């Protein structure tokens, strides 16, 4: 596996102004593991749309089991839920 950074990041939807402002920087500074043959397979030319959905569970409750359908067409949904705030 090799490491790669995010390129051409664009916000398409944000339910919260704060998330819309802060999440792109978080994703840009991340380092992602990709297969070593990434460029040989042409994957470096592909574009992916990923929708991150953030949720906070009610006090003493669990995270919802189902995600909300994607708000951005053709997006892969990644759900992030926290059971309690620190």
PDB file of N, CA and C in Angstrom:
ATOM      1  N   UNK A   1       0.833  -1.184   0.000  1.00  0.00           N
ATOM      2  CA  UNK A   1       0.000   0.000   0.000  1.00  0.00           C
ATOM      3  C   UNK A   1       0.882   1.253   0.000  1.00  0.00           C
ATOM      4  N   UNK A   2       0.408   2.267  -0.663  1.00  0.00           N
ATOM      5  CA  UNK A   2       1.084   3.560  -0.707  1.00  0.00           C
ATOM      6  C   UNK A   2       0.181   4.599  -0.051  1.00  0.00           C
ATOM      7  N   UNK A   3       0.736   5.725   0.290  1.00  0.00           N
ATOM      8  CA  UNK A   3      -0.052   6.816   0.869  1.00  0.00           C
ATOM      9  C   UNK A   3      -0.298   7.878  -0.189  1.00  0.00           C
ATOM     10  N   UNK A   4      -1.463   8.489  -0.127  1.00  0.00           N
ATOM     11  CA  UNK A   4      -1.822   9.514  -1.108  1.00  0.00           C
ATOM     12  C   UNK A   4      -2.674  10.578  -0.428  1.00  0.00           C
ATOM     13  N   UNK A   5      -2.646  11.770  -0.938  1.00  0.00           N
ATOM     14  CA  UNK A   5      -3.474  12.832  -0.373  1.00  0.00           C
ATOM     15  C   UNK A   5      -4.683  13.094  -1.269  1.00  0.00           C
ATOM     16  N   UNK A   6      -5.626  13.879  -0.761  1.00  0.00           N
ATOM     17  CA  UNK A   6      -6.835  14.217  -1.499  1.00  0.00           C
ATOM     18  C   UNK A   6      -6.531  15.351  -2.462  1.00  0.00           C
ATOM     19  N   UNK A   7      -7.082  15.247  -3.675  1.00  0.00           N
ATOM     20  CA  UNK A   7      -6.957  16.330  -4.654  1.00  0.00           C
ATOM     21  C   UNK A   7      -8.342  16.705  -5.147  1.00  0.00           C
ATOM     22  N   UNK A   8      -8.492  17.920  -5.546  1.00  0.00           N
ATOM     23  CA  UNK A   8      -9.745  18.410  -6.140  1.00  0.00           C
ATOM     24  C   UNK A   8     -10.936  18.243  -5.202  1.00  0.00           C
ATOM     25  N   UNK A   9     -10.740  18.514  -3.930  1.00  0.00           N
ATOM     26  CA  UNK A   9     -11.809  18.420  -2.946  1.00  0.00           C
ATOM     27  C   UNK A   9     -12.783  19.579  -3.132  1.00  0.00           C
ATOM     28  N   UNK A  10     -14.078  19.263  -3.147  1.00  0.00           N
ATOM     29  CA  UNK A  10     -15.088  20.300  -3.329  1.00  0.00           C
ATOM     30  C   UNK A  10     -16.286  19.971  -2.447  1.00  0.00           C
ATOM     31  N   UNK A  11     -16.763  20.951  -1.709  1.00  0.00           N
ATOM     32  CA  UNK A  11     -17.952  20.763  -0.890  1.00  0.00           C
ATOM     33  C   UNK A  11     -19.188  20.895  -1.779  1.00  0.00           C
ATOM     34  N   UNK A  12     -20.067  19.895  -1.699  1.00  0.00           N
ATOM     35  CA  UNK A  12     -21.304  19.940  -2.469  1.00  0.00           C
ATOM     36  C   UNK A  12     -22.510  20.206  -1.580  1.00  0.00           C
ATOM     37  N   UNK A  13     -22.421  19.838  -0.321  1.00  0.00           N
ATOM     38  CA  UNK A  13     -23.537  20.012   0.600  1.00  0.00           C
ATOM     39  C   UNK A  13     -23.003  20.004   2.026  1.00  0.00           C
ATOM     40  N   UNK A  14     -23.516  20.876   2.865  1.00  0.00           N
ATOM     41  CA  UNK A  14     -23.185  20.866   4.295  1.00  0.00           C
ATOM     42  C   UNK A  14     -24.438  21.251   5.064  1.00  0.00           C
ATOM     43  N   UNK A  15     -24.863  20.378   5.969  1.00  0.00           N
ATOM     44  CA  UNK A  15     -26.043  20.638   6.781  1.00  0.00           C
ATOM     45  C   UNK A  15     -25.726  21.680   7.848  1.00  0.00           C
ATOM     46  N   UNK A  16     -24.449  21.781   8.187  1.00  0.00           N
ATOM     47  CA  UNK A  16     -23.995  22.728   9.212  1.00  0.00           C
ATOM     48  C   UNK A  16     -22.900  23.610   8.622  1.00  0.00           C
ATOM     49  N   UNK A  17     -23.004  24.892   8.831  1.00  0.00           N
ATOM     50  CA  UNK A  17     -21.991  25.822   8.314  1.00  0.00           C
ATOM     51  C   UNK A  17     -20.614  25.513   8.892  1.00  0.00           C
ATOM     52  N   UNK A  18     -20.557  25.160  10.187  1.00  0.00           N
ATOM     53  CA  UNK A  18     -19.265  24.854  10.822  1.00  0.00           C
ATOM     54  C   UNK A  18     -18.612  23.628  10.202  1.00  0.00           C
ATOM     55  N   UNK A  19     -19.389  22.578   9.962  1.00  0.00           N
ATOM     56  CA  UNK A  19     -18.817  21.396   9.316  1.00  0.00           C
ATOM     57  C   UNK A  19     -18.369  21.724   7.904  1.00  0.00           C
ATOM     58  N   UNK A  20     -19.174  22.473   7.194  1.00  0.00           N
ATOM     59  CA  UNK A  20     -18.811  22.854   5.831  1.00  0.00           C
ATOM     60  C   UNK A  20     -17.507  23.622   5.775  1.00  0.00           C
ATOM     61  N   UNK A  21     -17.217  24.351   6.825  1.00  0.00           N
ATOM     62  CA  UNK A  21     -16.001  25.153   6.867  1.00  0.00           C
ATOM     63  C   UNK A  21     -14.800  24.325   7.335  1.00  0.00           C
ATOM     64  N   UNK A  22     -14.990  23.394   8.266  1.00  0.00           N
ATOM     65  CA  UNK A  22     -13.871  22.696   8.897  1.00  0.00           C
ATOM     66  C   UNK A  22     -13.521  21.330   8.309  1.00  0.00           C
ATOM     67  N   UNK A  23     -14.492  20.605   7.813  1.00  0.00           N
ATOM     68  CA  UNK A  23     -14.236  19.260   7.319  1.00  0.00           C
ATOM     69  C   UNK A  23     -13.313  19.240   6.092  1.00  0.00           C
ATOM     70  N   UNK A  24     -13.450  20.148   5.123  1.00  0.00           N
ATOM     71  CA  UNK A  24     -12.522  20.092   3.984  1.00  0.00           C
ATOM     72  C   UNK A  24     -11.047  20.145   4.399  1.00  0.00           C
ATOM     73  N   UNK A  25     -10.711  20.982   5.362  1.00  0.00           N
ATOM     74  CA  UNK A  25      -9.315  21.047   5.823  1.00  0.00           C
ATOM     75  C   UNK A  25      -8.898  19.718   6.446  1.00  0.00           C
ATOM     76  N   UNK A  26      -9.785  19.119   7.216  1.00  0.00           N
ATOM     77  CA  UNK A  26      -9.508  17.820   7.836  1.00  0.00           C
ATOM     78  C   UNK A  26      -9.226  16.767   6.760  1.00  0.00           C
ATOM     79  N   UNK A  27     -10.054  16.733   5.724  1.00  0.00           N
ATOM     80  CA  UNK A  27      -9.863  15.746   4.659  1.00  0.00           C
ATOM     81  C   UNK A  27      -8.613  16.037   3.827  1.00  0.00           C
ATOM     82  N   UNK A  28      -8.309  17.309   3.592  1.00  0.00           N
ATOM     83  CA  UNK A  28      -7.121  17.671   2.807  1.00  0.00           C
ATOM     84  C   UNK A  28      -5.833  17.285   3.510  1.00  0.00           C
ATOM     85  N   UNK A  29      -5.804  17.354   4.840  1.00  0.00           N
ATOM     86  CA  UNK A  29      -4.571  17.057   5.562  1.00  0.00           C
ATOM     87  C   UNK A  29      -4.425  15.571   5.872  1.00  0.00           C
ATOM     88  N   UNK A  30      -5.469  14.792   5.582  1.00  0.00           N
ATOM     89  CA  UNK A  30      -5.391  13.349   5.819  1.00  0.00           C
ATOM     90  C   UNK A  30      -4.488  12.673   4.807  1.00  0.00           C
ATOM     91  N   UNK A  31      -3.982  11.519   5.172  1.00  0.00           N
ATOM     92  CA  UNK A  31      -3.185  10.697   4.266  1.00  0.00           C
ATOM     93  C   UNK A  31      -3.922   9.368   4.133  1.00  0.00           C
ATOM     94  N   UNK A  32      -4.143   8.922   2.916  1.00  0.00           N
ATOM     95  CA  UNK A  32      -4.965   7.765   2.651  1.00  0.00           C
ATOM     96  C   UNK A  32      -4.143   6.653   2.023  1.00  0.00           C
ATOM     97  N   UNK A  33      -4.431   5.439   2.436  1.00  0.00           N
ATOM     98  CA  UNK A  33      -3.710   4.280   1.916  1.00  0.00           C
ATOM     99  C   UNK A  33      -4.382   3.783   0.649  1.00  0.00           C
ATOM    100  N   UNK A  34      -3.578   3.586  -0.376  1.00  0.00           N
ATOM    101  CA  UNK A  34      -4.080   3.112  -1.657  1.00  0.00           C
ATOM    102  C   UNK A  34      -3.195   1.958  -2.134  1.00  0.00           C
ATOM    103  N   UNK A  35      -3.691   1.113  -3.030  1.00  0.00           N
ATOM    104  CA  UNK A  35      -2.874   0.020  -3.559  1.00  0.00           C
ATOM    105  C   UNK A  35      -1.659   0.556  -4.308  1.00  0.00           C
ATOM    106  N   UNK A  36      -0.578  -0.203  -4.300  1.00  0.00           N
ATOM    107  CA  UNK A  36       0.655   0.238  -4.968  1.00  0.00           C
ATOM    108  C   UNK A  36       0.485   0.368  -6.479  1.00  0.00           C
ATOM    109  N   UNK A  37      -0.485  -0.355  -7.064  1.00  0.00           N
ATOM    110  CA  UNK A  37      -0.704  -0.266  -8.519  1.00  0.00           C
ATOM    111  C   UNK A  37      -1.764   0.771  -8.887  1.00  0.00           C
ATOM    112  N   UNK A  38      -2.031   1.702  -8.000  1.00  0.00           N
ATOM    113  CA  UNK A  38      -3.065   2.730  -8.178  1.00  0.00           C
ATOM    114  C   UNK A  38      -2.957   3.434  -9.533  1.00  0.00           C
ATOM    115  N   UNK A  39      -1.772   3.933  -9.850  1.00  0.00           N
ATOM    116  CA  UNK A  39      -1.594   4.662 -11.109  1.00  0.00           C
ATOM    117  C   UNK A  39      -1.584   3.725 -12.311  1.00  0.00           C
ATOM    118  N   UNK A  40      -1.024   2.528 -12.156  1.00  0.00           N
ATOM    119  CA  UNK A  40      -0.982   1.571 -13.273  1.00  0.00           C
ATOM    120  C   UNK A  40      -2.379   1.149 -13.710  1.00  0.00           C
ATOM    121  N   UNK A  41      -3.329   1.106 -12.788  1.00  0.00           N
ATOM    122  CA  UNK A  41      -4.700   0.706 -13.118  1.00  0.00           C
ATOM    123  C   UNK A  41      -5.545   1.873 -13.608  1.00  0.00           C
ATOM    124  N   UNK A  42      -4.981   3.080 -13.615  1.00  0.00           N
ATOM    125  CA  UNK A  42      -5.715   4.257 -14.063  1.00  0.00           C
ATOM    126  C   UNK A  42      -6.606   4.856 -12.991  1.00  0.00           C
ATOM    127  N   UNK A  43      -6.529   4.319 -11.785  1.00  0.00           N
ATOM    128  CA  UNK A  43      -7.383   4.805 -10.705  1.00  0.00           C
ATOM    129  C   UNK A  43      -7.083   6.249 -10.317  1.00  0.00           C
ATOM    130  N   UNK A  44      -5.863   6.719 -10.572  1.00  0.00           N
ATOM    131  CA  UNK A  44      -5.517   8.105 -10.232  1.00  0.00           C
ATOM    132  C   UNK A  44      -6.275   9.107 -11.101  1.00  0.00           C
ATOM    133  N   UNK A  45      -6.884   8.641 -12.190  1.00  0.00           N
ATOM    134  CA  UNK A  45      -7.656   9.521 -13.078  1.00  0.00           C
ATOM    135  C   UNK A  45      -9.148   9.532 -12.726  1.00  0.00           C
ATOM    136  N   UNK A  46      -9.578   8.611 -11.863  1.00  0.00           N
ATOM    137  CA  UNK A  46     -10.992   8.505 -11.500  1.00  0.00           C
ATOM    138  C   UNK A  46     -11.358   9.544 -10.456  1.00  0.00           C
ATOM    139  N   UNK A  47     -12.617   9.912 -10.413  1.00  0.00           N
ATOM    140  CA  UNK A  47     -13.134  10.851  -9.423  1.00  0.00           C
ATOM    141  C   UNK A  47     -14.189  10.138  -8.601  1.00  0.00           C
ATOM    142  N   UNK A  48     -14.176  10.395  -7.307  1.00  0.00           N
ATOM    143  CA  UNK A  48     -15.098   9.747  -6.394  1.00  0.00           C
ATOM    144  C   UNK A  48     -15.875  10.809  -5.631  1.00  0.00           C
ATOM    145  N   UNK A  49     -17.147  10.549  -5.409  1.00  0.00           N
ATOM    146  CA  UNK A  49     -17.957  11.430  -4.584  1.00  0.00           C
ATOM    147  C   UNK A  49     -18.305  10.674  -3.317  1.00  0.00           C
ATOM    148  N   UNK A  50     -17.850  11.208  -2.189  1.00  0.00           N
ATOM    149  CA  UNK A  50     -18.092  10.581  -0.894  1.00  0.00           C
ATOM    150  C   UNK A  50     -18.829  11.582  -0.021  1.00  0.00           C
ATOM    151  N   UNK A  51     -19.932  11.135   0.558  1.00  0.00           N
ATOM    152  CA  UNK A  51     -20.702  11.981   1.463  1.00  0.00           C
ATOM    153  C   UNK A  51     -20.475  11.483   2.889  1.00  0.00           C
ATOM    154  N   UNK A  52     -19.941  12.354   3.738  1.00  0.00           N
ATOM    155  CA  UNK A  52     -19.743  12.024   5.148  1.00  0.00           C
ATOM    156  C   UNK A  52     -20.950  12.508   5.928  1.00  0.00           C
ATOM    157  N   UNK A  53     -21.576  11.609   6.670  1.00  0.00           N
ATOM    158  CA  UNK A  53     -22.721  11.969   7.501  1.00  0.00           C
ATOM    159  C   UNK A  53     -22.310  11.833   8.964  1.00  0.00           C
ATOM    160  N   UNK A  54     -22.396  12.931   9.695  1.00  0.00           N
ATOM    161  CA  UNK A  54     -22.011  12.950  11.099  1.00  0.00           C
ATOM    162  C   UNK A  54     -23.263  12.965  11.964  1.00  0.00           C
ATOM    163  N   UNK A  55     -23.231  12.186  13.058  1.00  0.00           N
ATOM    164  CA  UNK A  55     -24.367  12.134  13.975  1.00  0.00           C
ATOM    165  C   UNK A  55     -23.850  12.025  15.402  1.00  0.00           C
ATOM    166  N   UNK A  56     -24.659  12.496  16.350  1.00  0.00           N
ATOM    167  CA  UNK A  56     -24.360  12.362  17.777  1.00  0.00           C
ATOM    168  C   UNK A  56     -25.540  11.642  18.408  1.00  0.00           C
ATOM    169  N   UNK A  57     -25.277  10.548  19.103  1.00  0.00           N
ATOM    170  CA  UNK A  57     -26.339   9.784  19.748  1.00  0.00           C
ATOM    171  C   UNK A  57     -26.847  10.543  20.972  1.00  0.00           C
ATOM    172  N   UNK A  58     -28.125  10.360  21.272  1.00  0.00           N
ATOM    173  CA  UNK A  58     -28.704  10.974  22.466  1.00  0.00           C
ATOM    174  C   UNK A  58     -28.018  10.405  23.714  1.00  0.00           C
ATOM    175  N   UNK A  59     -27.995  11.189  24.770  1.00  0.00           N
ATOM    176  CA  UNK A  59     -27.363  10.752  26.014  1.00  0.00           C
ATOM    177  C   UNK A  59     -27.924   9.394  26.438  1.00  0.00           C
ATOM    178  N   UNK A  60     -27.026   8.443  26.639  1.00  0.00           N
ATOM    179  CA  UNK A  60     -27.424   7.094  27.032  1.00  0.00           C
ATOM    180  C   UNK A  60     -27.957   6.252  25.900  1.00  0.00           C
ATOM    181  N   UNK A  61     -28.052   6.810  24.718  1.00  0.00           N
ATOM    182  CA  UNK A  61     -28.586   6.086  23.569  1.00  0.00           C
ATOM    183  C   UNK A  61     -27.487   5.585  22.654  1.00  0.00           C
ATOM    184  N   UNK A  62     -27.888   4.871  21.654  1.00  0.00           N
ATOM    185  CA  UNK A  62     -26.957   4.339  20.662  1.00  0.00           C
ATOM    186  C   UNK A  62     -27.083   5.131  19.369  1.00  0.00           C
ATOM    187  N   UNK A  63     -26.098   4.997  18.531  1.00  0.00           N
ATOM    188  CA  UNK A  63     -26.152   5.638  17.226  1.00  0.00           C
ATOM    189  C   UNK A  63     -27.262   4.992  16.395  1.00  0.00           C
ATOM    190  N   UNK A  64     -27.937   5.768  15.563  1.00  0.00           N
ATOM    191  CA  UNK A  64     -28.972   5.192  14.702  1.00  0.00           C
ATOM    192  C   UNK A  64     -28.380   4.105  13.818  1.00  0.00           C
ATOM    193  N   UNK A  65     -29.146   3.046  13.592  1.00  0.00           N
ATOM    194  CA  UNK A  65     -28.630   1.917  12.805  1.00  0.00           C
ATOM    195  C   UNK A  65     -28.606   2.198  11.310  1.00  0.00           C
ATOM    196  N   UNK A  66     -29.499   3.049  10.841  1.00  0.00           N
ATOM    197  CA  UNK A  66     -29.554   3.327   9.413  1.00  0.00           C
ATOM    198  C   UNK A  66     -29.054   4.726   9.117  1.00  0.00           C
ATOM    199  N   UNK A  67     -28.396   4.851   7.984  1.00  0.00           N
ATOM    200  CA  UNK A  67     -27.949   6.180   7.563  1.00  0.00           C
ATOM    201  C   UNK A  67     -29.057   6.854   6.769  1.00  0.00           C
ATOM    202  N   UNK A  68     -28.948   8.126   6.651  1.00  0.00           N
ATOM    203  CA  UNK A  68     -29.863   8.904   5.827  1.00  0.00           C
ATOM    204  C   UNK A  68     -29.442   8.685   4.377  1.00  0.00           C
ATOM    205  N   UNK A  69     -30.387   8.568   3.442  1.00  0.00           N
ATOM    206  CA  UNK A  69     -29.975   8.428   2.040  1.00  0.00           C
ATOM    207  C   UNK A  69     -29.072   9.586   1.618  1.00  0.00           C
ATOM    208  N   UNK A  70     -28.193   9.317   0.686  1.00  0.00           N
ATOM    209  CA  UNK A  70     -27.254  10.335   0.217  1.00  0.00           C
ATOM    210  C   UNK A  70     -27.999  11.565  -0.286  1.00  0.00           C
ATOM    211  N   UNK A  71     -27.516  12.724   0.092  1.00  0.00           N
ATOM    212  CA  UNK A  71     -28.096  13.987  -0.388  1.00  0.00           C
ATOM    213  C   UNK A  71     -27.456  14.412  -1.707  1.00  0.00           C
ATOM    214  N   UNK A  72     -26.262  13.913  -1.948  1.00  0.00           N
ATOM    215  CA  UNK A  72     -25.532  14.220  -3.179  1.00  0.00           C
ATOM    216  C   UNK A  72     -25.680  13.013  -4.109  1.00  0.00           C
ATOM    217  N   UNK A  73     -26.192  13.203  -5.322  1.00  0.00           N
ATOM    218  CA  UNK A  73     -26.407  12.085  -6.241  1.00  0.00           C
ATOM    219  C   UNK A  73     -25.141  11.263  -6.475  1.00  0.00           C
ATOM    220  N   UNK A  74     -25.295   9.952  -6.489  1.00  0.00           N
ATOM    221  CA  UNK A  74     -24.221   8.989  -6.790  1.00  0.00           C
ATOM    222  C   UNK A  74     -23.077   8.998  -5.788  1.00  0.00           C
ATOM    223  N   UNK A  75     -23.300   9.490  -4.575  1.00  0.00           N
ATOM    224  CA  UNK A  75     -22.242   9.530  -3.565  1.00  0.00           C
ATOM    225  C   UNK A  75     -22.204   8.232  -2.773  1.00  0.00           C
ATOM    226  N   UNK A  76     -21.023   7.840  -2.372  1.00  0.00           N
ATOM    227  CA  UNK A  76     -20.851   6.769  -1.400  1.00  0.00           C
ATOM    228  C   UNK A  76     -20.995   7.411  -0.029  1.00  0.00           C
ATOM    229  N   UNK A  77     -21.829   6.833   0.839  1.00  0.00           N
ATOM    230  CA  UNK A  77     -22.079   7.421   2.147  1.00  0.00           C
ATOM    231  C   UNK A  77     -21.171   6.781   3.194  1.00  0.00           C
ATOM    232  N   UNK A  78     -20.478   7.626   3.955  1.00  0.00           N
ATOM    233  CA  UNK A  78     -19.672   7.184   5.089  1.00  0.00           C
ATOM    234  C   UNK A  78     -20.298   7.828   6.318  1.00  0.00           C
ATOM    235  N   UNK A  79     -20.723   7.006   7.267  1.00  0.00           N
ATOM    236  CA  UNK A  79     -21.394   7.494   8.468  1.00  0.00           C
ATOM    237  C   UNK A  79     -20.427   7.534   9.617  1.00  0.00           C
ATOM    238  N   UNK A  80     -20.410   8.647  10.354  1.00  0.00           N
ATOM    239  CA  UNK A  80     -19.575   8.815  11.541  1.00  0.00           C
ATOM    240  C   UNK A  80     -20.512   9.194  12.672  1.00  0.00           C
ATOM    241  N   UNK A  81     -20.521   8.403  13.755  1.00  0.00           N
ATOM    242  CA  UNK A  81     -21.423   8.691  14.873  1.00  0.00           C
ATOM    243  C   UNK A  81     -20.645   8.588  16.174  1.00  0.00           C
ATOM    244  N   UNK A  82     -20.918   9.514  17.062  1.00  0.00           N
ATOM    245  CA  UNK A  82     -20.280   9.543  18.364  1.00  0.00           C
ATOM    246  C   UNK A  82     -21.360   9.311  19.418  1.00  0.00           C
ATOM    247  N   UNK A  83     -21.110   8.391  20.339  1.00  0.00           N
ATOM    248  CA  UNK A  83     -22.073   8.072  21.376  1.00  0.00           C
ATOM    249  C   UNK A  83     -22.180   9.140  22.435  1.00  0.00           C
ATOM    250  N   UNK A  84     -21.129   9.899  22.638  1.00  0.00           N
ATOM    251  CA  UNK A  84     -21.152  10.999  23.605  1.00  0.00           C
ATOM    252  C   UNK A  84     -20.026  11.959  23.272  1.00  0.00           C
ATOM    253  N   UNK A  85     -20.218  13.181  23.627  1.00  0.00           N
ATOM    254  CA  UNK A  85     -19.198  14.199  23.385  1.00  0.00           C
ATOM    255  C   UNK A  85     -18.232  14.210  24.550  1.00  0.00           C
ATOM    256  N   UNK A  86     -16.940  14.430  24.289  1.00  0.00           N
ATOM    257  CA  UNK A  86     -15.952  14.466  25.377  1.00  0.00           C
ATOM    258  C   UNK A  86     -16.159  15.657  26.296  1.00  0.00           C
TER     259      UNK A  86
END
